[in-house]
């Protein structure tokens, strides 16, 4: 059995004992990753992701509407 993605089992899948250790402990490693994400407050629900995406879009639109202070407008004779 070979996985064709990054972090898969290609390479050590030929070593039976390594493959056995990997397959019997992967659920435990997943629990550690989940716990670390919870401690770091990085666990996201789909609704949170959609809400965050909407916030990013609103922020991007607001920033794009600002005047660029580095643009040179030759029609202006005074500074502000």
PDB file of N, CA and C in Angstrom:
ATOM      1  N   UNK A   1       0.854  -1.175   0.000  1.00  0.00           N
ATOM      2  CA  UNK A   1       0.000   0.000   0.000  1.00  0.00           C
ATOM      3  C   UNK A   1       0.899   1.237   0.000  1.00  0.00           C
ATOM      4  N   UNK A   2       0.672   2.138  -0.913  1.00  0.00           N
ATOM      5  CA  UNK A   2       1.463   3.366  -1.000  1.00  0.00           C
ATOM      6  C   UNK A   2       0.538   4.565  -1.045  1.00  0.00           C
ATOM      7  N   UNK A   3       0.870   5.561  -0.271  1.00  0.00           N
ATOM      8  CA  UNK A   3       0.147   6.825  -0.328  1.00  0.00           C
ATOM      9  C   UNK A   3       0.924   7.749  -1.240  1.00  0.00           C
ATOM     10  N   UNK A   4       0.216   8.512  -2.027  1.00  0.00           N
ATOM     11  CA  UNK A   4       0.905   9.388  -2.986  1.00  0.00           C
ATOM     12  C   UNK A   4       0.716  10.848  -2.604  1.00  0.00           C
ATOM     13  N   UNK A   5       0.936  11.154  -1.365  1.00  0.00           N
ATOM     14  CA  UNK A   5       0.847  12.523  -0.903  1.00  0.00           C
ATOM     15  C   UNK A   5       1.963  12.773   0.094  1.00  0.00           C
ATOM     16  N   UNK A   6       2.218  14.044   0.336  1.00  0.00           N
ATOM     17  CA  UNK A   6       3.300  14.415   1.241  1.00  0.00           C
ATOM     18  C   UNK A   6       2.996  13.888   2.637  1.00  0.00           C
ATOM     19  N   UNK A   7       3.965  13.303   3.262  1.00  0.00           N
ATOM     20  CA  UNK A   7       3.774  12.763   4.590  1.00  0.00           C
ATOM     21  C   UNK A   7       3.171  11.369   4.572  1.00  0.00           C
ATOM     22  N   UNK A   8       3.056  10.775   3.414  1.00  0.00           N
ATOM     23  CA  UNK A   8       2.474   9.446   3.297  1.00  0.00           C
ATOM     24  C   UNK A   8       3.445   8.377   3.730  1.00  0.00           C
ATOM     25  N   UNK A   9       3.171   7.167   3.312  1.00  0.00           N
ATOM     26  CA  UNK A   9       3.957   6.032   3.788  1.00  0.00           C
ATOM     27  C   UNK A   9       4.941   5.527   2.759  1.00  0.00           C
ATOM     28  N   UNK A  10       5.167   6.283   1.688  1.00  0.00           N
ATOM     29  CA  UNK A  10       6.132   5.857   0.679  1.00  0.00           C
ATOM     30  C   UNK A  10       7.515   5.809   1.309  1.00  0.00           C
ATOM     31  N   UNK A  11       8.262   4.801   1.014  1.00  0.00           N
ATOM     32  CA  UNK A  11       9.617   4.687   1.539  1.00  0.00           C
ATOM     33  C   UNK A  11       9.687   3.673   2.653  1.00  0.00           C
ATOM     34  N   UNK A  12       9.035   3.962   3.774  1.00  0.00           N
ATOM     35  CA  UNK A  12       9.137   3.004   4.863  1.00  0.00           C
ATOM     36  C   UNK A  12       8.073   1.930   4.800  1.00  0.00           C
ATOM     37  N   UNK A  13       7.168   1.986   3.815  1.00  0.00           N
ATOM     38  CA  UNK A  13       6.144   0.953   3.710  1.00  0.00           C
ATOM     39  C   UNK A  13       6.748  -0.398   3.336  1.00  0.00           C
ATOM     40  N   UNK A  14       7.969  -0.401   2.860  1.00  0.00           N
ATOM     41  CA  UNK A  14       8.638  -1.663   2.537  1.00  0.00           C
ATOM     42  C   UNK A  14       9.188  -2.345   3.789  1.00  0.00           C
ATOM     43  N   UNK A  15       9.348  -1.559   4.839  1.00  0.00           N
ATOM     44  CA  UNK A  15       9.827  -2.092   6.114  1.00  0.00           C
ATOM     45  C   UNK A  15       8.595  -2.425   6.963  1.00  0.00           C
ATOM     46  N   UNK A  16       8.320  -3.707   7.154  1.00  0.00           N
ATOM     47  CA  UNK A  16       7.090  -4.124   7.813  1.00  0.00           C
ATOM     48  C   UNK A  16       6.985  -3.575   9.228  1.00  0.00           C
ATOM     49  N   UNK A  17       8.047  -3.644  10.003  1.00  0.00           N
ATOM     50  CA  UNK A  17       7.966  -3.184  11.394  1.00  0.00           C
ATOM     51  C   UNK A  17       7.738  -1.678  11.474  1.00  0.00           C
ATOM     52  N   UNK A  18       8.355  -0.911  10.590  1.00  0.00           N
ATOM     53  CA  UNK A  18       8.137   0.538  10.572  1.00  0.00           C
ATOM     54  C   UNK A  18       6.698   0.857  10.171  1.00  0.00           C
ATOM     55  N   UNK A  19       6.204   0.138   9.166  1.00  0.00           N
ATOM     56  CA  UNK A  19       4.821   0.347   8.723  1.00  0.00           C
ATOM     57  C   UNK A  19       3.848  -0.019   9.840  1.00  0.00           C
ATOM     58  N   UNK A  20       4.120  -1.094  10.550  1.00  0.00           N
ATOM     59  CA  UNK A  20       3.254  -1.530  11.638  1.00  0.00           C
ATOM     60  C   UNK A  20       3.219  -0.477  12.748  1.00  0.00           C
ATOM     61  N   UNK A  21       4.389   0.048  13.138  1.00  0.00           N
ATOM     62  CA  UNK A  21       4.435   1.087  14.165  1.00  0.00           C
ATOM     63  C   UNK A  21       3.678   2.325  13.715  1.00  0.00           C
ATOM     64  N   UNK A  22       3.845   2.699  12.447  1.00  0.00           N
ATOM     65  CA  UNK A  22       3.164   3.885  11.933  1.00  0.00           C
ATOM     66  C   UNK A  22       1.655   3.694  11.958  1.00  0.00           C
ATOM     67  N   UNK A  23       1.187   2.541  11.499  1.00  0.00           N
ATOM     68  CA  UNK A  23      -0.256   2.329  11.405  1.00  0.00           C
ATOM     69  C   UNK A  23      -0.909   2.135  12.770  1.00  0.00           C
ATOM     70  N   UNK A  24      -0.175   1.652  13.754  1.00  0.00           N
ATOM     71  CA  UNK A  24      -0.767   1.457  15.078  1.00  0.00           C
ATOM     72  C   UNK A  24      -0.684   2.690  15.961  1.00  0.00           C
ATOM     73  N   UNK A  25       0.125   3.668  15.602  1.00  0.00           N
ATOM     74  CA  UNK A  25       0.259   4.861  16.442  1.00  0.00           C
ATOM     75  C   UNK A  25      -0.258   6.134  15.788  1.00  0.00           C
ATOM     76  N   UNK A  26      -0.729   6.070  14.572  1.00  0.00           N
ATOM     77  CA  UNK A  26      -1.133   7.311  13.893  1.00  0.00           C
ATOM     78  C   UNK A  26      -2.320   7.972  14.566  1.00  0.00           C
ATOM     79  N   UNK A  27      -3.247   7.195  15.138  1.00  0.00           N
ATOM     80  CA  UNK A  27      -4.381   7.805  15.825  1.00  0.00           C
ATOM     81  C   UNK A  27      -3.917   8.552  17.071  1.00  0.00           C
ATOM     82  N   UNK A  28      -2.885   8.036  17.736  1.00  0.00           N
ATOM     83  CA  UNK A  28      -2.366   8.702  18.925  1.00  0.00           C
ATOM     84  C   UNK A  28      -1.675  10.017  18.544  1.00  0.00           C
ATOM     85  N   UNK A  29      -0.926  10.003  17.441  1.00  0.00           N
ATOM     86  CA  UNK A  29      -0.287  11.233  16.965  1.00  0.00           C
ATOM     87  C   UNK A  29      -1.349  12.258  16.582  1.00  0.00           C
ATOM     88  N   UNK A  30      -2.443  11.815  15.991  1.00  0.00           N
ATOM     89  CA  UNK A  30      -3.520  12.731  15.624  1.00  0.00           C
ATOM     90  C   UNK A  30      -4.133  13.368  16.870  1.00  0.00           C
ATOM     91  N   UNK A  31      -4.233  12.617  17.958  1.00  0.00           N
ATOM     92  CA  UNK A  31      -4.740  13.179  19.207  1.00  0.00           C
ATOM     93  C   UNK A  31      -3.799  14.253  19.742  1.00  0.00           C
ATOM     94  N   UNK A  32      -2.501  14.029  19.649  1.00  0.00           N
ATOM     95  CA  UNK A  32      -1.534  15.027  20.099  1.00  0.00           C
ATOM     96  C   UNK A  32      -1.628  16.302  19.265  1.00  0.00           C
ATOM     97  N   UNK A  33      -1.777  16.144  17.969  1.00  0.00           N
ATOM     98  CA  UNK A  33      -1.906  17.318  17.090  1.00  0.00           C
ATOM     99  C   UNK A  33      -3.179  18.084  17.431  1.00  0.00           C
ATOM    100  N   UNK A  34      -4.281  17.371  17.619  1.00  0.00           N
ATOM    101  CA  UNK A  34      -5.551  18.020  17.970  1.00  0.00           C
ATOM    102  C   UNK A  34      -5.438  18.758  19.301  1.00  0.00           C
ATOM    103  N   UNK A  35      -4.792  18.143  20.295  1.00  0.00           N
ATOM    104  CA  UNK A  35      -4.613  18.794  21.597  1.00  0.00           C
ATOM    105  C   UNK A  35      -3.751  20.046  21.463  1.00  0.00           C
ATOM    106  N   UNK A  36      -2.694  19.977  20.661  1.00  0.00           N
ATOM    107  CA  UNK A  36      -1.831  21.146  20.459  1.00  0.00           C
ATOM    108  C   UNK A  36      -2.599  22.273  19.780  1.00  0.00           C
ATOM    109  N   UNK A  37      -3.433  21.931  18.808  1.00  0.00           N
ATOM    110  CA  UNK A  37      -4.235  22.958  18.139  1.00  0.00           C
ATOM    111  C   UNK A  37      -5.235  23.592  19.098  1.00  0.00           C
ATOM    112  N   UNK A  38      -5.809  22.798  19.997  1.00  0.00           N
ATOM    113  CA  UNK A  38      -6.752  23.351  20.971  1.00  0.00           C
ATOM    114  C   UNK A  38      -6.036  24.276  21.955  1.00  0.00           C
ATOM    115  N   UNK A  39      -4.852  23.892  22.414  1.00  0.00           N
ATOM    116  CA  UNK A  39      -4.093  24.736  23.339  1.00  0.00           C
ATOM    117  C   UNK A  39      -3.740  26.059  22.669  1.00  0.00           C
ATOM    118  N   UNK A  40      -3.413  26.007  21.389  1.00  0.00           N
ATOM    119  CA  UNK A  40      -3.045  27.216  20.647  1.00  0.00           C
ATOM    120  C   UNK A  40      -4.263  27.971  20.138  1.00  0.00           C
ATOM    121  N   UNK A  41      -5.457  27.479  20.469  1.00  0.00           N
ATOM    122  CA  UNK A  41      -6.725  28.086  20.020  1.00  0.00           C
ATOM    123  C   UNK A  41      -6.772  28.192  18.501  1.00  0.00           C
ATOM    124  N   UNK A  42      -6.375  27.107  17.843  1.00  0.00           N
ATOM    125  CA  UNK A  42      -6.344  27.083  16.384  1.00  0.00           C
ATOM    126  C   UNK A  42      -7.334  26.075  15.796  1.00  0.00           C
ATOM    127  N   UNK A  43      -8.300  25.620  16.589  1.00  0.00           N
ATOM    128  CA  UNK A  43      -9.309  24.686  16.094  1.00  0.00           C
ATOM    129  C   UNK A  43     -10.430  25.508  15.487  1.00  0.00           C
ATOM    130  N   UNK A  44     -10.732  25.237  14.238  1.00  0.00           N
ATOM    131  CA  UNK A  44     -11.729  26.021  13.526  1.00  0.00           C
ATOM    132  C   UNK A  44     -12.878  25.138  13.067  1.00  0.00           C
ATOM    133  N   UNK A  45     -14.065  25.666  13.216  1.00  0.00           N
ATOM    134  CA  UNK A  45     -15.258  25.020  12.689  1.00  0.00           C
ATOM    135  C   UNK A  45     -15.545  25.634  11.320  1.00  0.00           C
ATOM    136  N   UNK A  46     -16.268  24.923  10.456  1.00  0.00           N
ATOM    137  CA  UNK A  46     -16.583  25.477   9.129  1.00  0.00           C
ATOM    138  C   UNK A  46     -17.270  26.842   9.194  1.00  0.00           C
ATOM    139  N   UNK A  47     -18.156  27.043  10.161  1.00  0.00           N
ATOM    140  CA  UNK A  47     -18.836  28.336  10.275  1.00  0.00           C
ATOM    141  C   UNK A  47     -17.842  29.442  10.633  1.00  0.00           C
ATOM    142  N   UNK A  48     -16.854  29.126  11.476  1.00  0.00           N
ATOM    143  CA  UNK A  48     -15.832  30.112  11.832  1.00  0.00           C
ATOM    144  C   UNK A  48     -14.986  30.471  10.622  1.00  0.00           C
ATOM    145  N   UNK A  49     -14.686  29.485   9.804  1.00  0.00           N
ATOM    146  CA  UNK A  49     -13.871  29.729   8.615  1.00  0.00           C
ATOM    147  C   UNK A  49     -14.611  30.641   7.654  1.00  0.00           C
ATOM    148  N   UNK A  50     -15.906  30.396   7.459  1.00  0.00           N
ATOM    149  CA  UNK A  50     -16.685  31.241   6.558  1.00  0.00           C
ATOM    150  C   UNK A  50     -16.813  32.656   7.104  1.00  0.00           C
ATOM    151  N   UNK A  51     -17.012  32.787   8.417  1.00  0.00           N
ATOM    152  CA  UNK A  51     -17.088  34.109   9.028  1.00  0.00           C
ATOM    153  C   UNK A  51     -15.768  34.853   8.922  1.00  0.00           C
ATOM    154  N   UNK A  52     -14.675  34.133   9.107  1.00  0.00           N
ATOM    155  CA  UNK A  52     -13.365  34.755   8.987  1.00  0.00           C
ATOM    156  C   UNK A  52     -13.097  35.192   7.559  1.00  0.00           C
ATOM    157  N   UNK A  53     -13.513  34.383   6.598  1.00  0.00           N
ATOM    158  CA  UNK A  53     -13.331  34.738   5.185  1.00  0.00           C
ATOM    159  C   UNK A  53     -14.096  36.017   4.859  1.00  0.00           C
ATOM    160  N   UNK A  54     -15.303  36.149   5.377  1.00  0.00           N
ATOM    161  CA  UNK A  54     -16.096  37.364   5.143  1.00  0.00           C
ATOM    162  C   UNK A  54     -15.403  38.572   5.767  1.00  0.00           C
ATOM    163  N   UNK A  55     -14.831  38.403   6.957  1.00  0.00           N
ATOM    164  CA  UNK A  55     -14.119  39.506   7.614  1.00  0.00           C
ATOM    165  C   UNK A  55     -12.896  39.929   6.809  1.00  0.00           C
ATOM    166  N   UNK A  56     -12.169  38.952   6.281  1.00  0.00           N
ATOM    167  CA  UNK A  56     -10.991  39.262   5.475  1.00  0.00           C
ATOM    168  C   UNK A  56     -11.405  40.008   4.210  1.00  0.00           C
ATOM    169  N   UNK A  57     -12.479  39.586   3.586  1.00  0.00           N
ATOM    170  CA  UNK A  57     -12.953  40.271   2.376  1.00  0.00           C
ATOM    171  C   UNK A  57     -13.339  41.714   2.695  1.00  0.00           C
ATOM    172  N   UNK A  58     -14.036  41.930   3.804  1.00  0.00           N
ATOM    173  CA  UNK A  58     -14.423  43.293   4.196  1.00  0.00           C
ATOM    174  C   UNK A  58     -13.194  44.152   4.484  1.00  0.00           C
ATOM    175  N   UNK A  59     -12.222  43.590   5.171  1.00  0.00           N
ATOM    176  CA  UNK A  59     -10.997  44.339   5.464  1.00  0.00           C
ATOM    177  C   UNK A  59     -10.239  44.681   4.186  1.00  0.00           C
ATOM    178  N   UNK A  60     -10.184  43.725   3.252  1.00  0.00           N
ATOM    179  CA  UNK A  60      -9.492  43.959   1.982  1.00  0.00           C
ATOM    180  C   UNK A  60     -10.172  45.079   1.204  1.00  0.00           C
ATOM    181  N   UNK A  61     -11.490  45.057   1.161  1.00  0.00           N
ATOM    182  CA  UNK A  61     -12.220  46.127   0.449  1.00  0.00           C
ATOM    183  C   UNK A  61     -11.968  47.480   1.109  1.00  0.00           C
ATOM    184  N   UNK A  62     -11.945  47.523   2.430  1.00  0.00           N
ATOM    185  CA  UNK A  62     -11.700  48.783   3.136  1.00  0.00           C
ATOM    186  C   UNK A  62     -10.300  49.301   2.841  1.00  0.00           C
ATOM    187  N   UNK A  63      -9.299  48.427   2.889  1.00  0.00           N
ATOM    188  CA  UNK A  63      -7.933  48.858   2.611  1.00  0.00           C
ATOM    189  C   UNK A  63      -7.767  49.334   1.173  1.00  0.00           C
ATOM    190  N   UNK A  64      -8.426  48.680   0.239  1.00  0.00           N
ATOM    191  CA  UNK A  64      -8.323  49.088  -1.166  1.00  0.00           C
ATOM    192  C   UNK A  64      -8.993  50.427  -1.424  1.00  0.00           C
ATOM    193  N   UNK A  65      -9.941  50.811  -0.571  1.00  0.00           N
ATOM    194  CA  UNK A  65     -10.634  52.084  -0.776  1.00  0.00           C
ATOM    195  C   UNK A  65      -9.842  53.274  -0.241  1.00  0.00           C
ATOM    196  N   UNK A  66      -8.793  53.014   0.545  1.00  0.00           N
ATOM    197  CA  UNK A  66      -7.982  54.095   1.083  1.00  0.00           C
ATOM    198  C   UNK A  66      -7.147  54.734  -0.027  1.00  0.00           C
ATOM    199  N   UNK A  67      -6.775  55.982   0.200  1.00  0.00           N
ATOM    200  CA  UNK A  67      -5.896  56.690  -0.716  1.00  0.00           C
ATOM    201  C   UNK A  67      -4.473  56.205  -0.502  1.00  0.00           C
ATOM    202  N   UNK A  68      -3.768  55.966  -1.583  1.00  0.00           N
ATOM    203  CA  UNK A  68      -2.384  55.528  -1.495  1.00  0.00           C
ATOM    204  C   UNK A  68      -1.503  56.757  -1.287  1.00  0.00           C
ATOM    205  N   UNK A  69      -0.830  56.875  -0.153  1.00  0.00           N
ATOM    206  CA  UNK A  69      -0.024  58.069   0.118  1.00  0.00           C
ATOM    207  C   UNK A  69       1.247  58.128  -0.737  1.00  0.00           C
ATOM    208  N   UNK A  70       1.582  57.056  -1.399  1.00  0.00           N
ATOM    209  CA  UNK A  70       2.796  57.031  -2.198  1.00  0.00           C
ATOM    210  C   UNK A  70       2.533  57.292  -3.679  1.00  0.00           C
ATOM    211  N   UNK A  71       1.271  57.418  -4.049  1.00  0.00           N
ATOM    212  CA  UNK A  71       0.936  57.750  -5.437  1.00  0.00           C
ATOM    213  C   UNK A  71       1.143  59.237  -5.650  1.00  0.00           C
ATOM    214  N   UNK A  72       1.777  59.586  -6.725  1.00  0.00           N
ATOM    215  CA  UNK A  72       2.023  60.996  -7.024  1.00  0.00           C
ATOM    216  C   UNK A  72       0.970  61.460  -8.013  1.00  0.00           C
ATOM    217  N   UNK A  73       0.205  62.441  -7.570  1.00  0.00           N
ATOM    218  CA  UNK A  73      -0.823  63.026  -8.429  1.00  0.00           C
ATOM    219  C   UNK A  73      -0.316  64.393  -8.871  1.00  0.00           C
ATOM    220  N   UNK A  74       0.000  64.550 -10.137  1.00  0.00           N
ATOM    221  CA  UNK A  74       0.588  65.795 -10.628  1.00  0.00           C
ATOM    222  C   UNK A  74      -0.407  66.939 -10.656  1.00  0.00           C
ATOM    223  N   UNK A  75      -1.685  66.652 -10.500  1.00  0.00           N
ATOM    224  CA  UNK A  75      -2.700  67.712 -10.530  1.00  0.00           C
ATOM    225  C   UNK A  75      -2.817  68.461  -9.219  1.00  0.00           C
ATOM    226  N   UNK A  76      -2.163  67.996  -8.160  1.00  0.00           N
ATOM    227  CA  UNK A  76      -2.270  68.659  -6.862  1.00  0.00           C
ATOM    228  C   UNK A  76      -1.110  69.627  -6.675  1.00  0.00           C
ATOM    229  N   UNK A  77      -1.419  70.829  -6.236  1.00  0.00           N
ATOM    230  CA  UNK A  77      -0.392  71.827  -5.997  1.00  0.00           C
ATOM    231  C   UNK A  77      -0.068  71.981  -4.527  1.00  0.00           C
ATOM    232  N   UNK A  78      -0.848  71.381  -3.670  1.00  0.00           N
ATOM    233  CA  UNK A  78      -0.585  71.525  -2.242  1.00  0.00           C
ATOM    234  C   UNK A  78      -0.568  70.160  -1.568  1.00  0.00           C
ATOM    235  N   UNK A  79       0.059  70.112  -0.430  1.00  0.00           N
ATOM    236  CA  UNK A  79       0.120  68.872   0.338  1.00  0.00           C
ATOM    237  C   UNK A  79      -1.003  68.838   1.359  1.00  0.00           C
ATOM    238  N   UNK A  80      -1.405  67.625   1.678  1.00  0.00           N
ATOM    239  CA  UNK A  80      -2.352  67.477   2.780  1.00  0.00           C
ATOM    240  C   UNK A  80      -2.073  66.221   3.526  1.00  0.00           C
TER     241      UNK A  80
END
